[in-house]
Protein backbone atom coordinates (compact mmCIF):
# COMPACT_ATOMS: atom_id res chain seq x y z
CA MET A 1 7.88 2.67 9.13
CA ARG A 2 4.67 1.57 7.42
CA ARG A 3 1.41 2.09 9.23
CA LEU A 4 -2.27 1.79 8.51
CA ALA A 5 -4.81 3.71 10.56
CA ILE A 6 -7.72 1.71 11.95
CA PRO A 7 -10.99 3.60 11.47
CA LEU A 8 -13.19 4.31 14.46
CA ALA A 9 -16.21 2.77 12.75
CA LEU A 10 -14.79 -0.77 12.60
CA MET A 11 -17.39 -2.22 14.87
CA LEU A 12 -20.50 -0.98 13.05
CA ALA A 13 -23.00 -3.81 12.96
CA SER A 14 -24.63 -2.95 9.66
CA GLY A 15 -23.21 -3.33 6.19
CA THR A 16 -22.59 0.41 5.78
CA ALA A 17 -19.46 2.06 7.03
CA THR A 18 -20.57 5.67 7.05
CA GLY A 19 -23.69 7.77 6.70
CA MET A 20 -27.20 7.37 8.07
CA VAL A 21 -29.02 4.10 7.50
CA THR A 22 -32.67 4.36 6.60
CA GLY A 23 -35.32 1.70 6.13
CA THR A 24 -34.98 -1.93 7.23
CA VAL A 25 -31.50 -3.20 7.92
CA ALA A 26 -30.92 -6.77 6.77
CA GLY A 27 -29.86 -9.14 9.53
CA PRO A 28 -26.70 -11.26 9.21
CA ALA A 29 -28.58 -14.30 7.91
CA GLN A 30 -30.37 -12.26 5.25
CA ALA A 31 -27.16 -10.47 4.26
CA ALA A 32 -25.22 -13.72 4.03
CA ASP A 33 -27.79 -15.11 1.60
CA LYS A 34 -26.88 -12.31 -0.82
CA VAL A 35 -23.14 -13.07 -0.76
CA THR A 36 -21.72 -15.74 -3.02
CA ARG A 37 -19.53 -18.27 -1.27
CA THR A 38 -16.49 -18.94 -3.41
CA ALA A 39 -14.11 -21.87 -3.72
CA GLU A 40 -11.17 -19.51 -3.18
CA CYS A 41 -12.48 -18.53 0.25
CA GLN A 42 -14.34 -21.62 1.46
CA GLY A 43 -11.39 -23.91 2.11
CA ASP A 44 -9.25 -25.14 4.99
CA TRP A 45 -6.37 -22.75 4.28
CA LEU A 46 -7.20 -20.41 7.12
CA PRO A 47 -5.13 -20.55 10.31
CA GLY A 48 -6.74 -21.46 13.63
CA THR A 49 -5.80 -18.04 14.98
CA PRO A 50 -6.50 -15.22 14.79
CA THR A 51 -10.27 -15.13 14.30
CA ALA A 52 -12.02 -12.50 12.24
CA GLU A 53 -13.11 -10.72 15.41
CA ASP A 54 -9.51 -10.72 16.67
CA VAL A 55 -8.41 -9.01 13.48
CA MET A 56 -11.25 -6.51 13.71
CA LYS A 57 -10.16 -5.68 17.26
CA GLY A 58 -6.60 -5.21 16.04
CA GLU A 59 -4.98 -8.30 17.58
CA ILE A 60 -3.32 -11.18 15.82
CA SER A 61 -1.86 -14.33 17.36
CA LEU A 62 0.46 -16.20 15.02
CA VAL A 63 2.47 -19.47 15.26
CA GLY A 64 1.42 -19.97 18.87
CA LEU A 65 3.09 -16.79 20.13
CA PRO A 66 1.22 -14.22 22.25
CA ALA A 67 -1.21 -11.88 20.52
CA TYR A 68 0.37 -8.87 18.89
CA LYS A 69 -1.59 -5.64 19.14
CA LEU A 70 -1.83 -3.88 15.83
CA GLY A 71 -3.23 -0.87 17.66
CA LYS A 72 -4.55 2.07 15.67
CA THR A 73 -1.99 1.51 12.96
CA ILE A 74 -0.38 -1.48 11.23
CA ASN A 75 3.39 -1.48 11.04
CA TRP A 76 4.29 -3.69 8.10
CA ASP A 77 7.87 -3.96 9.34
CA ALA A 78 6.67 -5.44 12.63
CA SER A 79 8.62 -8.35 14.07
CA PRO A 80 7.70 -8.26 17.77
CA TYR A 81 9.22 -11.65 18.60
CA LYS A 82 12.17 -11.62 16.16
CA ASN A 83 10.83 -14.93 14.92
CA ARG A 84 11.15 -15.83 11.25
CA SER A 85 8.03 -18.01 11.24
CA TRP A 86 5.99 -15.15 12.73
CA GLU A 87 7.31 -12.76 10.07
CA PHE A 88 6.45 -15.15 7.24
CA VAL A 89 2.93 -15.82 8.50
CA PHE A 90 2.35 -12.12 9.13
CA GLN A 91 3.34 -11.33 5.55
CA SER A 92 1.21 -14.19 4.18
CA LEU A 93 -1.91 -12.09 4.98
CA ARG A 94 -3.89 -15.22 5.74
CA TRP A 95 -5.07 -13.49 8.89
CA MET A 96 -6.57 -10.82 6.64
CA GLY A 97 -8.31 -13.59 4.71
CA THR A 98 -10.36 -14.48 7.77
CA LEU A 99 -12.25 -11.23 7.25
CA VAL A 100 -13.24 -12.06 3.66
CA VAL A 101 -14.41 -15.50 4.72
CA GLU A 102 -16.44 -13.94 7.50
CA TYR A 103 -17.97 -11.56 4.96
CA GLU A 104 -19.03 -14.53 2.84
CA ASN A 105 -20.45 -16.32 5.87
CA THR A 106 -22.33 -13.36 7.38
CA GLY A 107 -22.79 -10.85 4.59
CA GLU A 108 -21.59 -8.06 6.86
CA GLN A 109 -19.88 -5.41 4.74
CA ARG A 110 -17.60 -4.22 7.53
CA TYR A 111 -15.48 -7.36 7.21
CA LEU A 112 -14.92 -6.87 3.48
CA ASP A 113 -14.23 -3.15 3.95
CA ARG A 114 -11.57 -3.83 6.54
CA ALA A 115 -10.00 -6.62 4.49
CA THR A 116 -9.83 -4.31 1.48
CA GLU A 117 -8.31 -1.52 3.53
CA ILE A 118 -5.63 -3.77 5.02
CA THR A 119 -4.71 -5.30 1.68
CA LYS A 120 -4.58 -2.06 -0.25
CA ASP A 121 -2.30 -0.57 2.36
CA TRP A 122 -0.10 -3.66 2.28
CA VAL A 123 0.17 -3.43 -1.52
CA GLU A 124 1.09 0.26 -1.36
CA HIS A 125 3.82 -0.23 1.23
CA ASN A 126 5.35 -3.53 0.14
CA LYS A 127 6.20 -3.03 -3.51
CA TYR A 128 8.44 -5.74 -4.92
CA GLY A 129 12.02 -4.49 -5.13
CA ALA A 130 11.23 -1.13 -3.53
CA ARG A 131 13.61 0.43 -1.06
CA GLY A 132 12.48 -0.30 2.47
CA THR A 133 10.49 -3.43 1.62
CA GLN A 134 11.70 -6.23 3.88
CA PRO A 135 13.38 -8.97 1.80
CA TYR A 136 11.44 -11.79 3.51
CA VAL A 137 8.14 -10.26 2.27
CA TRP A 138 8.84 -11.62 -1.21
CA LYS A 139 10.41 -14.95 -0.29
CA ASP A 140 8.90 -17.94 -2.05
CA HIS A 141 6.71 -19.19 0.79
CA PRO A 142 5.07 -15.90 1.86
CA VAL A 143 4.41 -15.20 -1.84
CA SER A 144 2.69 -18.54 -2.44
CA LEU A 145 0.70 -18.51 0.81
CA ARG A 146 -0.34 -14.87 0.34
CA THR A 147 -1.86 -15.68 -3.03
CA GLN A 148 -4.79 -17.53 -1.45
CA PRO A 149 -6.19 -14.62 0.60
CA LEU A 150 -5.56 -12.23 -2.30
CA LEU A 151 -7.48 -14.52 -4.68
CA CYS A 152 -10.22 -14.82 -2.09
CA LEU A 153 -10.46 -11.03 -1.85
CA SER A 154 -10.43 -10.69 -5.65
CA ARG A 155 -13.74 -12.55 -5.83
CA HIS A 156 -15.43 -9.59 -4.13
CA VAL A 157 -13.16 -6.65 -4.97
CA ASN A 158 -12.56 -5.78 -8.60
CA ALA A 159 -9.68 -3.33 -8.37
CA SER A 160 -6.70 -2.77 -10.64
CA TRP A 161 -4.26 -2.54 -7.73
CA LEU A 162 -5.30 -6.01 -6.55
CA LYS A 163 -5.13 -7.55 -10.01
CA ASP A 164 -1.73 -5.95 -10.59
CA SER A 165 -0.42 -7.31 -7.31
CA LEU A 166 -1.57 -10.83 -8.22
CA ALA A 167 0.18 -10.45 -11.57
CA THR A 168 3.40 -9.58 -9.72
CA HIS A 169 2.92 -12.66 -7.56
CA ALA A 170 2.41 -14.81 -10.67
CA LYS A 171 5.58 -13.43 -12.26
CA LEU A 172 7.62 -14.45 -9.23
CA LEU A 173 5.87 -17.80 -8.89
CA SER A 174 6.67 -18.65 -12.50
CA ASN A 175 10.33 -17.63 -12.25
CA PRO A 176 12.34 -20.88 -12.52
CA SER A 177 15.23 -19.47 -10.48
CA LEU A 178 12.88 -18.97 -7.51
CA TYR A 179 11.10 -22.32 -7.77
CA LYS A 180 11.63 -24.84 -4.92
CA LYS A 181 11.50 -28.07 -6.87
CA GLY A 182 11.04 -31.28 -4.91
CA HIS A 183 9.90 -29.46 -1.77
CA ASN A 184 6.60 -28.57 -0.11
CA HIS A 185 7.31 -24.92 -0.93
CA GLY A 186 7.30 -25.86 -4.61
CA ILE A 187 3.91 -27.51 -4.20
CA ASP A 188 2.58 -24.32 -2.61
CA GLN A 189 4.06 -22.27 -5.45
CA ASP A 190 2.28 -24.44 -8.02
CA ILE A 191 -1.04 -24.24 -6.18
CA ALA A 192 -0.72 -20.45 -6.07
CA LEU A 193 0.29 -20.07 -9.71
CA MET A 194 -2.52 -22.32 -10.92
CA GLY A 195 -4.97 -20.33 -8.80
CA ILE A 196 -3.98 -17.06 -10.44
CA GLY A 197 -3.88 -18.63 -13.90
CA CYS A 198 -7.36 -20.09 -13.57
CA ARG A 199 -8.76 -16.93 -11.96
CA TYR A 200 -7.67 -14.69 -14.81
CA GLY A 201 -7.70 -17.12 -17.75
CA ARG A 202 -3.92 -17.34 -18.11
CA LYS A 203 -3.43 -20.84 -19.50
CA ASP A 204 0.34 -20.35 -19.68
CA TRP A 205 0.53 -19.95 -15.90
CA ALA A 206 -1.86 -22.83 -15.24
CA ASN A 207 -0.01 -25.11 -17.68
CA LEU A 208 3.34 -24.32 -16.08
CA ALA A 209 1.98 -25.00 -12.60
CA SER A 210 0.54 -28.35 -13.65
CA SER A 211 3.70 -29.59 -15.35
CA ARG A 212 5.99 -28.45 -12.54
CA LEU A 213 3.80 -30.00 -9.88
CA THR A 214 4.07 -33.46 -11.40
CA SER A 215 7.87 -33.27 -11.39
CA THR A 216 8.00 -31.89 -7.86
CA VAL A 217 5.71 -34.55 -6.42
CA LYS A 218 7.83 -37.31 -7.96
CA LEU A 219 10.89 -35.87 -6.22
CA ASP A 220 9.19 -35.08 -2.90
CA VAL A 221 7.30 -38.36 -2.50
CA ASP A 222 9.01 -41.55 -3.65
CA SER A 223 7.31 -44.60 -5.16
CA GLN A 224 6.95 -46.17 -1.69
CA GLY A 225 5.05 -43.11 -0.51
CA ALA A 226 7.85 -41.82 1.72
CA LEU A 227 8.33 -38.08 2.02
CA MET A 228 11.87 -37.11 0.99
CA GLU A 229 12.08 -34.00 3.20
CA GLN A 230 13.42 -36.04 6.15
CA ALA A 231 10.77 -35.00 8.67
CA PRO A 232 7.73 -37.32 8.68
CA ARG A 233 5.36 -34.71 10.08
CA TYR A 234 5.66 -32.75 6.84
CA ALA A 235 4.02 -35.69 5.09
CA VAL A 236 0.72 -34.60 6.65
CA TYR A 237 1.18 -31.08 5.29
CA VAL A 238 2.15 -32.32 1.83
CA TYR A 239 -0.79 -34.74 1.73
CA GLY A 240 -3.19 -31.91 2.58
CA ARG A 241 -1.69 -29.59 0.01
CA LEU A 242 -1.90 -32.25 -2.70
CA GLN A 243 -5.61 -32.63 -1.95
CA VAL A 244 -5.96 -28.87 -2.49
CA ALA A 245 -3.91 -29.04 -5.69
CA MET A 246 -6.02 -31.86 -7.13
CA THR A 247 -9.28 -30.14 -6.19
CA ASN A 248 -8.11 -26.93 -7.85
CA MET A 249 -7.08 -28.77 -11.00
CA LYS A 250 -10.54 -30.27 -11.33
CA ALA A 251 -12.15 -26.88 -10.70
CA CYS A 252 -9.96 -25.50 -13.49
CA ASP A 253 -11.22 -28.25 -15.84
CA ARG A 254 -7.88 -30.00 -15.81
CA LYS A 255 -7.13 -33.68 -15.52
CA VAL A 256 -5.18 -34.68 -12.42
CA PRO A 257 -1.96 -36.46 -13.49
CA GLY A 258 -1.90 -40.06 -12.31
CA ALA A 259 1.50 -39.67 -10.65
CA ILE A 260 0.16 -36.98 -8.33
CA ALA A 261 -2.91 -38.96 -7.30
CA GLU A 262 -0.93 -42.17 -6.79
CA ARG A 263 1.77 -40.65 -4.64
CA ALA A 264 -0.72 -38.65 -2.60
CA GLU A 265 -2.50 -41.93 -1.84
CA ALA A 266 0.79 -43.68 -0.99
CA LEU A 267 1.60 -40.95 1.54
CA LYS A 268 -1.18 -42.23 3.78
CA SER A 269 0.63 -45.47 4.53
CA PHE A 270 3.86 -43.60 5.28
CA ILE A 271 1.98 -41.34 7.69
CA ALA A 272 0.43 -44.37 9.39
CA HIS A 273 3.81 -46.10 9.84
CA SER A 274 5.43 -42.94 11.21
CA THR A 275 2.66 -42.46 13.78
CA MET A 276 3.35 -43.96 17.19
CA PRO A 277 0.79 -46.04 19.12
CA ASN A 278 -0.12 -42.96 21.19
CA GLY A 279 -1.42 -41.22 18.06
CA TYR A 280 1.46 -38.75 17.69
CA MET A 281 3.98 -38.81 14.88
CA VAL A 282 7.51 -39.85 15.76
CA PRO A 283 9.39 -36.54 16.06
CA ILE A 284 12.22 -37.15 13.60
CA GLY A 285 13.89 -34.18 11.90
CA ASP A 286 11.95 -30.92 12.11
CA GLY A 287 9.01 -32.64 13.74
CA SER A 288 7.24 -31.71 16.95
CA ALA A 289 6.23 -34.45 19.38
CA GLU A 290 2.73 -32.95 19.50
CA THR A 291 1.89 -33.63 15.83
CA GLU A 292 -1.28 -35.70 15.39
CA PRO A 293 -2.13 -36.62 11.78
CA LYS A 294 -5.90 -36.23 12.37
CA MET A 295 -6.63 -37.87 9.03
CA GLU A 296 -7.80 -41.25 7.84
CA THR A 297 -4.76 -43.27 6.83
CA GLY A 298 -6.15 -46.79 6.90
CA THR A 299 -4.23 -49.65 8.52
CA PRO A 300 -1.22 -50.95 6.58
CA LYS A 301 -0.91 -54.72 6.28
CA GLU A 302 2.64 -54.79 7.71
CA GLU A 303 3.67 -53.96 11.28
CA VAL A 304 7.21 -53.26 10.10
CA LYS A 305 8.26 -51.18 7.09
CA ALA A 306 11.68 -50.23 5.75
CA TYR A 307 11.65 -47.22 3.44
CA ARG A 308 14.43 -46.58 0.93
CA ALA A 309 14.14 -42.89 1.85
CA GLY A 310 15.90 -43.77 5.11
CA TYR A 311 13.44 -45.04 7.69
CA VAL A 312 12.58 -48.24 9.49
CA PHE A 313 9.33 -48.10 11.43
CA GLY A 314 8.13 -51.07 13.50
CA ARG A 315 5.49 -51.91 16.09
CA THR A 316 4.08 -54.89 17.92
CA ALA A 317 0.55 -54.43 16.61
CA TRP A 318 -1.80 -51.85 15.13
CA GLY A 319 -4.54 -50.29 17.22
CA LYS A 320 -2.96 -50.99 20.61
CA PRO A 321 -1.66 -48.00 22.61
CA GLU A 322 0.55 -50.31 24.67
CA SER A 323 2.28 -51.62 21.54
CA ALA A 324 6.05 -51.21 21.34
CA TYR A 325 7.27 -48.94 18.53
CA TYR A 326 10.68 -48.06 17.16
CA SER A 327 12.32 -46.03 14.42
CA ILE A 328 15.77 -46.28 12.80
CA ARG A 329 17.31 -43.65 10.51
CA PHE A 330 19.59 -44.04 7.49
CA GLY A 331 19.49 -42.89 3.85
CA PRO A 332 20.53 -39.78 1.89
CA GLY A 333 22.59 -37.08 3.57
CA MET A 334 20.83 -34.36 5.54
CA LYS A 335 18.71 -31.91 3.55
CA PHE A 336 15.57 -29.80 3.82
CA HIS A 337 13.98 -30.61 7.21
CA GLY A 338 16.38 -33.38 8.20
CA HIS A 339 18.85 -33.64 11.07
CA GLU A 340 22.21 -35.39 11.42
CA ASP A 341 20.45 -38.38 12.95
CA HIS A 342 21.69 -41.26 10.79
CA LEU A 343 21.95 -44.59 12.64
CA GLY A 344 19.76 -43.02 15.33
CA VAL A 345 16.91 -44.86 17.01
CA THR A 346 13.82 -43.99 19.01
CA TYR A 347 11.91 -46.43 21.21
CA TYR A 348 8.38 -46.43 22.64
CA ALA A 349 7.17 -49.25 24.87
CA GLU A 350 4.52 -50.07 27.45
CA GLY A 351 2.54 -46.98 26.50
CA ARG A 352 5.29 -44.42 26.91
CA ASP A 353 8.36 -42.82 25.33
CA ILE A 354 11.64 -44.45 26.29
CA LEU A 355 14.32 -43.16 23.90
CA VAL A 356 13.67 -39.81 22.21
CA ASP A 357 15.46 -37.49 19.81
CA GLY A 358 16.51 -33.96 20.70
CA GLY A 359 13.40 -32.74 18.88
CA PHE A 360 12.47 -29.65 16.91
CA HIS A 361 12.73 -26.23 18.54
CA SER A 362 12.23 -23.68 15.74
CA TYR A 363 13.67 -22.37 12.49
CA GLU A 364 15.49 -19.53 14.25
CA LYS A 365 19.17 -19.03 13.49
CA SER A 366 20.32 -19.76 17.02
CA SER A 367 23.07 -21.93 18.49
CA TYR A 368 20.44 -24.12 20.13
CA ARG A 369 18.61 -24.67 16.84
CA TYR A 370 21.87 -25.76 15.21
CA TRP A 371 22.60 -28.04 18.16
CA THR A 372 19.25 -29.81 17.66
CA LEU A 373 20.44 -30.65 14.13
CA SER A 374 23.73 -32.13 15.32
CA PRO A 375 24.53 -35.80 16.06
CA GLU A 376 24.77 -34.93 19.77
CA ALA A 377 21.01 -34.32 19.84
CA HIS A 378 20.25 -37.89 18.70
CA ASN A 379 20.74 -41.47 19.85
CA VAL A 380 23.73 -42.25 17.65
CA PRO A 381 27.19 -43.80 17.87
CA THR A 382 30.29 -41.68 17.41
CA VAL A 383 33.79 -42.78 16.42
CA VAL A 384 36.26 -41.67 19.07
CA GLY A 385 38.99 -39.35 17.80
CA ALA A 386 37.51 -39.03 14.32
CA ARG A 387 35.99 -35.95 12.75
CA PHE A 388 32.31 -35.98 11.79
CA ARG A 389 31.52 -35.39 8.12
CA PRO A 390 28.16 -33.63 7.71
CA ARG A 391 25.57 -34.71 5.15
CA THR A 392 27.02 -38.20 4.73
CA ALA A 393 24.64 -40.83 3.36
CA SER A 394 24.11 -44.14 5.14
CA LYS A 395 22.64 -47.44 4.01
CA LEU A 396 20.56 -50.31 5.30
CA ALA A 397 22.98 -53.21 4.92
CA ASP A 398 20.98 -56.16 6.26
CA THR A 399 17.57 -57.10 7.66
CA ALA A 400 16.04 -60.07 9.46
CA TYR A 401 12.30 -60.30 10.08
CA GLY A 402 10.66 -62.60 12.59
CA LYS A 403 7.23 -62.74 14.15
CA ASP A 404 8.43 -61.73 17.61
CA ARG A 405 11.57 -59.83 16.66
CA GLN A 406 13.27 -57.87 13.89
CA ALA A 407 16.89 -56.96 13.33
CA PHE A 408 18.57 -54.39 11.08
CA LYS A 409 22.11 -53.32 10.24
CA VAL A 410 22.88 -49.76 9.11
CA THR A 411 26.26 -48.33 8.20
CA ASP A 412 28.06 -45.27 6.86
CA LYS A 413 31.40 -43.47 6.77
CA ALA A 414 30.35 -40.27 8.52
CA TYR A 415 33.60 -40.41 10.51
CA GLY A 416 35.84 -41.47 7.64
CA VAL A 417 35.78 -45.15 8.63
CA SER A 418 32.91 -47.60 8.52
CA ARG A 419 30.53 -46.97 11.41
CA THR A 420 28.05 -49.81 11.84
CA ARG A 421 25.01 -50.20 14.05
CA SER A 422 22.89 -53.34 14.39
CA VAL A 423 19.49 -53.03 16.08
CA LEU A 424 17.32 -55.86 17.39
CA VAL A 425 13.84 -55.32 18.79
CA HIS A 426 11.99 -58.13 20.58
CA HIS A 427 8.24 -57.86 21.13
CA GLY A 428 6.03 -59.27 23.87
CA ASP A 429 8.84 -59.26 26.41
CA ASP A 430 9.97 -55.85 25.24
CA VAL A 431 13.70 -55.51 24.65
CA MET A 432 15.85 -53.34 22.38
CA ALA A 433 19.48 -54.29 21.79
CA VAL A 434 21.96 -52.17 19.82
CA LEU A 435 25.49 -53.12 18.75
CA ASP A 436 27.90 -50.37 17.64
CA THR A 437 31.31 -50.92 16.00
CA ALA A 438 33.79 -49.09 13.77
CA SER A 439 36.40 -50.36 11.35
CA GLY A 440 40.17 -49.93 11.63
CA GLY A 441 40.28 -50.78 15.33
CA LYS A 442 38.61 -47.47 16.21
CA LYS A 443 36.69 -47.15 19.44
CA VAL A 444 33.07 -46.04 19.57
CA SER A 445 30.91 -44.23 22.09
CA ASN A 446 27.19 -43.60 22.09
CA ILE A 447 24.46 -41.34 23.44
CA TRP A 448 21.06 -42.39 24.83
CA ARG A 449 18.48 -39.66 25.38
CA PHE A 450 15.59 -40.72 27.61
CA ALA A 451 12.15 -39.14 27.90
CA PRO A 452 12.13 -36.13 30.28
CA SER A 453 9.85 -37.83 32.81
CA LEU A 454 12.42 -40.57 33.45
CA LYS A 455 14.80 -39.73 36.30
CA VAL A 456 17.97 -41.57 37.31
CA VAL A 457 17.36 -44.18 40.01
CA SER A 458 20.82 -45.76 40.03
CA ASN A 459 24.03 -45.85 38.00
CA GLY A 460 26.85 -48.32 38.49
CA GLY A 461 28.59 -51.37 37.10
CA GLY A 462 27.47 -50.79 33.55
CA LYS A 463 23.81 -50.58 34.57
CA VAL A 464 21.73 -47.40 34.58
CA VAL A 465 18.17 -47.48 35.92
CA LEU A 466 15.73 -44.64 35.28
CA GLY A 467 12.20 -44.35 36.54
CA ASP A 468 8.97 -42.41 36.66
CA GLY A 469 7.01 -43.46 39.73
CA LYS A 470 6.54 -47.22 39.59
CA PHE A 471 7.72 -47.45 35.99
CA LYS A 472 11.39 -48.32 35.54
CA VAL A 473 13.66 -48.86 32.56
CA THR A 474 17.14 -50.37 32.58
CA LEU A 475 20.13 -49.76 30.30
CA LEU A 476 23.05 -52.20 30.33
CA GLN A 477 26.22 -52.12 28.23
CA PHE A 478 28.70 -54.83 27.21
CA SER A 479 31.84 -55.11 25.11
CA SER A 480 32.53 -58.64 23.85
CA CYS A 481 30.15 -59.87 26.56
CA ASP A 482 32.09 -58.08 29.31
CA ARG A 483 30.08 -55.56 31.31
CA VAL A 484 31.21 -52.00 30.57
CA GLY A 485 30.96 -49.47 33.39
CA GLY A 486 31.64 -45.76 33.66
CA GLN A 487 28.49 -44.38 32.05
CA LYS A 488 27.95 -40.67 32.63
CA VAL A 489 24.47 -39.22 32.99
CA GLU A 490 23.91 -35.60 32.08
CA ARG A 491 20.71 -33.66 32.68
CA GLY A 492 20.87 -30.18 31.19
CA GLY A 493 24.42 -29.02 30.65
CA LYS A 494 25.73 -29.58 27.12
CA LEU A 495 23.74 -32.65 26.07
CA GLY A 496 20.79 -33.16 28.37
CA TRP A 497 18.04 -31.31 26.49
CA VAL A 498 14.98 -32.07 24.41
CA SER A 499 12.49 -29.86 22.56
CA PRO A 500 9.24 -31.81 22.36
CA THR A 501 7.22 -28.83 21.10
CA TYR A 502 7.79 -25.60 19.20
CA LEU A 503 10.04 -23.15 21.09
CA SER A 504 10.20 -25.43 24.14
CA LYS A 505 13.37 -26.65 25.81
CA GLN A 506 13.33 -29.21 28.64
CA ALA A 507 16.11 -30.81 30.62
CA THR A 508 16.27 -34.57 30.23
CA ASN A 509 18.66 -37.38 31.11
CA VAL A 510 21.27 -38.42 28.57
CA VAL A 511 23.42 -41.48 29.18
CA VAL A 512 26.89 -41.21 27.61
CA SER A 513 28.81 -44.45 27.27
CA PRO A 514 32.52 -44.94 27.77
CA ALA A 515 34.63 -45.67 24.68
CA ALA A 516 35.10 -49.29 23.59
CA LYS A 517 35.95 -51.28 20.46
CA SER A 518 32.39 -52.56 20.47
CA LEU A 519 29.36 -51.53 22.50
CA LEU A 520 26.31 -53.69 22.98
CA THR A 521 23.54 -51.66 24.62
CA VAL A 522 20.48 -53.43 26.01
CA ILE A 523 17.35 -51.44 26.90
CA VAL A 524 14.77 -53.24 29.02
CA PRO A 525 11.57 -51.25 29.73
CA GLY A 526 9.31 -51.99 32.67
CA THR A 527 11.87 -53.25 35.18
CA ASP A 528 14.86 -52.21 37.29
CA SER A 529 16.14 -55.77 37.72
CA PRO A 530 16.17 -57.68 34.45
CA GLU A 531 17.94 -61.02 34.32
CA VAL A 532 20.62 -60.46 31.71
CA SER A 533 23.56 -62.65 30.73
CA CYS A 534 26.06 -62.64 27.86
CA SER A 535 28.36 -65.56 27.12
CA GLY A 536 29.42 -67.71 24.23
CA GLY A 537 28.21 -65.12 21.75
CA LYS A 538 24.66 -65.29 23.10
CA VAL A 539 22.68 -62.74 25.09
CA THR A 540 19.73 -63.69 27.27
CA VAL A 541 17.33 -61.10 28.71
CA ASN A 542 14.56 -62.38 30.98
CA GLY A 543 14.60 -65.70 29.15
CA VAL A 544 14.73 -64.15 25.66
CA SER A 545 17.91 -65.16 23.80
CA PHE A 546 19.60 -63.76 20.73
CA SER A 547 23.03 -63.56 19.12
CA ALA A 548 25.42 -60.99 20.56
CA GLY A 549 25.95 -59.90 16.96
CA LEU A 550 22.18 -59.28 16.71
CA ILE A 551 22.02 -60.00 12.97
């Protein structure tokens, strides 16, 4: 067990830790004027919690979990919540970095002394490759994120142990076998390696970081500006990190490659399209429903955008919270932060969520986490009696754009036969219609996960009505224009769950269809009694007509 004693004199107000102070003691403002503020410390890399005072008191709150009391000693093997994200952030030492920043801002020596003490103890007890050092301490992401607070500290502490530790970090960061190319971790590794290279005049490290970053950005962000990690919320993180990377390049007297600047700029439009009218990003893949971009993206010229990376995003209009909004998934097989959500849809209308995905719970290796990745956690069709093939790619086979409606056809062979879904969205009089079929005479079934606030009002005759107070939404299903009944509604149990935020799990209603050779599902928000008819290959919903084939 590794521990670090906390000295009794932590809370001394002056800049001296021990001994008698004589003469005039400089106040915080005067002391701060004598401390140089550095680029390494004065950035937005610090976490929201804990604060410097929390750390000084011996308490740290990480990844939204309750505060952990360090007590009189620090146990570097601590994992109080058995949570991998907590462990990684703990070992990143960014919480230690808050003390160095506070030292720069106030000039109070006690913050720097404590930061130095914590870091030196960490270095002594977490040697790379040493027996007893936890393996996750030297994983790629903790290594890259830890570099920032260590570089920040190095601006005020000139010690061989600190410089040696940064050299060890640089050696790992430059190791090609440990590099996460085409991923946000790779971007962080390049930022860290360039930081060390520029700090200590190692052009070889800085050159390597620059060249790798260009290649990684081209893989991680495509020419349309879509993030390739299969979770739109990570686009906000990547955009922010690329701003840091470009700023650091300029500070290191390096030219920013055009490809990096161009794709960083293109990300803004992707972020805008993947943000719903309520200001939150659509929670696809490892994305929380509480993610707000909080950045200026501008307003794209199109209301509807299909991305080759595997997304269709559409809305009625920009700047209107009541606008309808939908997403459709297709594209490369699941990787990185993606889920098995191909052919899945989400739907937002009349200022509220209607159809939602299972969401993102955590990165913990639990059965529930793996369930959130599965097709059953998404609004997708399944082929009855066929085995699902993970990581199968899907394609956008056809599109039709109109002013008041759009239609799309997506298809794959995730069940060994062609599985095809056509989606039509009508605006104004909001309607979503979805047609599912499979080749070879196979039957299909589908799953519809509604927002947790929507409760079942009625279910019968192929019509399910859900409501929240006065608001109602209706689901109807047909097969070759014949009404299909027998829908099952599950809340909780095996399927009826959603995780809108990190580590949360809520019961919600999931409508499971019966099996049929074709399933036409019509979703009508805002009513429990829509006028719907289907005959002669034409569907009419409240006076709005379209082909039963949709596209």
